[in-house]
Structures are given as structure tokens and as C-alpha cells.
């Protein structure tokens, strides 16, 4: 079984306004539309990424 590929839907900088969670809000909107989106941290760019996993073919 292959590891899933990740598709980045959107990037959000870590330093957003206090109390604001735009990445989580965007992921929730995507989930409401049936996409299994989730938020991960990209340490190299210091961004929150909203991603979806898709199984690889093979």
C-alpha cells in the first residue's frame, strides 16, 4: 500500500491575529462541502497548510 499524496488547498501564515484561526475555519468550510481537509504545519515555511490526502495509484 502506498502513502497518500497530499494536495495543498490553501496556505495561511502562522502570525495571524490573536484569536483568529483562518486555516481551521477554511478546513471546516471544506469539510462542510464533503472534502476531508485538515490543517498541518509546514515548519520549513512557517505556514499552516490546509490539505487533503488522496490515495496514490499503484
Protein backbone atom coordinates (compact mmCIF):
# COMPACT_ATOMS: atom_id res chain seq x y z
CA UNK A 1 0.00 0.00 0.00
CA UNK A 2 1.33 3.44 -0.95
CA UNK A 3 1.39 6.53 1.19
CA UNK A 4 -1.30 9.02 0.19
CA UNK A 5 -0.39 12.09 -1.81
CA UNK A 6 -1.20 15.42 -0.23
CA UNK A 7 -2.78 18.28 -2.09
CA UNK A 8 -2.39 21.74 -0.57
CA UNK A 9 -5.65 23.66 -0.88
CA UNK A 10 -4.51 26.86 0.86
CA UNK A 11 -1.65 28.34 2.94
CA UNK A 12 -2.02 30.61 5.95
CA UNK A 13 0.81 32.41 7.78
CA UNK A 14 1.33 31.43 11.38
CA UNK A 15 1.32 35.01 12.66
CA UNK A 16 -2.38 35.74 12.24
CA UNK A 17 -4.34 37.99 14.60
CA UNK A 18 -4.77 36.65 18.11
CA UNK A 19 -7.90 34.53 18.41
CA UNK A 20 -8.14 34.12 14.63
CA UNK A 21 -7.89 30.62 13.18
CA UNK A 22 -8.26 31.12 9.41
CA UNK A 23 -6.71 27.75 8.49
CA UNK A 24 -9.09 25.88 10.79
CA UNK A 25 -12.05 27.89 9.54
CA UNK A 26 -11.12 27.20 5.91
CA UNK A 27 -10.68 23.48 6.62
CA UNK A 28 -14.11 23.41 8.32
CA UNK A 29 -15.67 25.03 5.24
CA UNK A 30 -14.06 22.40 3.03
CA UNK A 31 -15.26 19.61 5.34
CA UNK A 32 -18.80 21.00 5.17
CA UNK A 33 -18.56 20.62 1.38
CA UNK A 34 -17.52 16.97 1.72
CA UNK A 35 -13.75 17.34 1.34
CA UNK A 36 -11.69 15.61 4.05
CA UNK A 37 -9.48 18.66 4.64
CA UNK A 38 -7.17 19.02 7.60
CA UNK A 39 -4.62 21.51 8.88
CA UNK A 40 -0.92 20.72 9.17
CA UNK A 41 2.09 22.88 10.00
CA UNK A 42 4.83 23.34 7.41
CA UNK A 43 7.90 24.01 9.54
CA UNK A 44 10.05 24.99 6.56
CA UNK A 45 7.79 27.86 5.51
CA UNK A 46 6.25 28.55 8.96
CA UNK A 47 2.77 28.29 7.44
CA UNK A 48 -0.36 26.35 8.26
CA UNK A 49 -1.44 24.28 5.27
CA UNK A 50 -4.95 23.05 4.59
CA UNK A 51 -4.51 19.73 2.83
CA UNK A 52 -6.46 16.76 1.54
CA UNK A 53 -5.00 13.28 1.18
CA UNK A 54 -5.66 11.26 -1.92
CA UNK A 55 -4.59 7.64 -2.35
CA UNK A 56 -1.87 7.03 -4.89
CA UNK A 57 -2.44 4.77 -7.82
CA UNK A 58 -0.39 1.64 -7.94
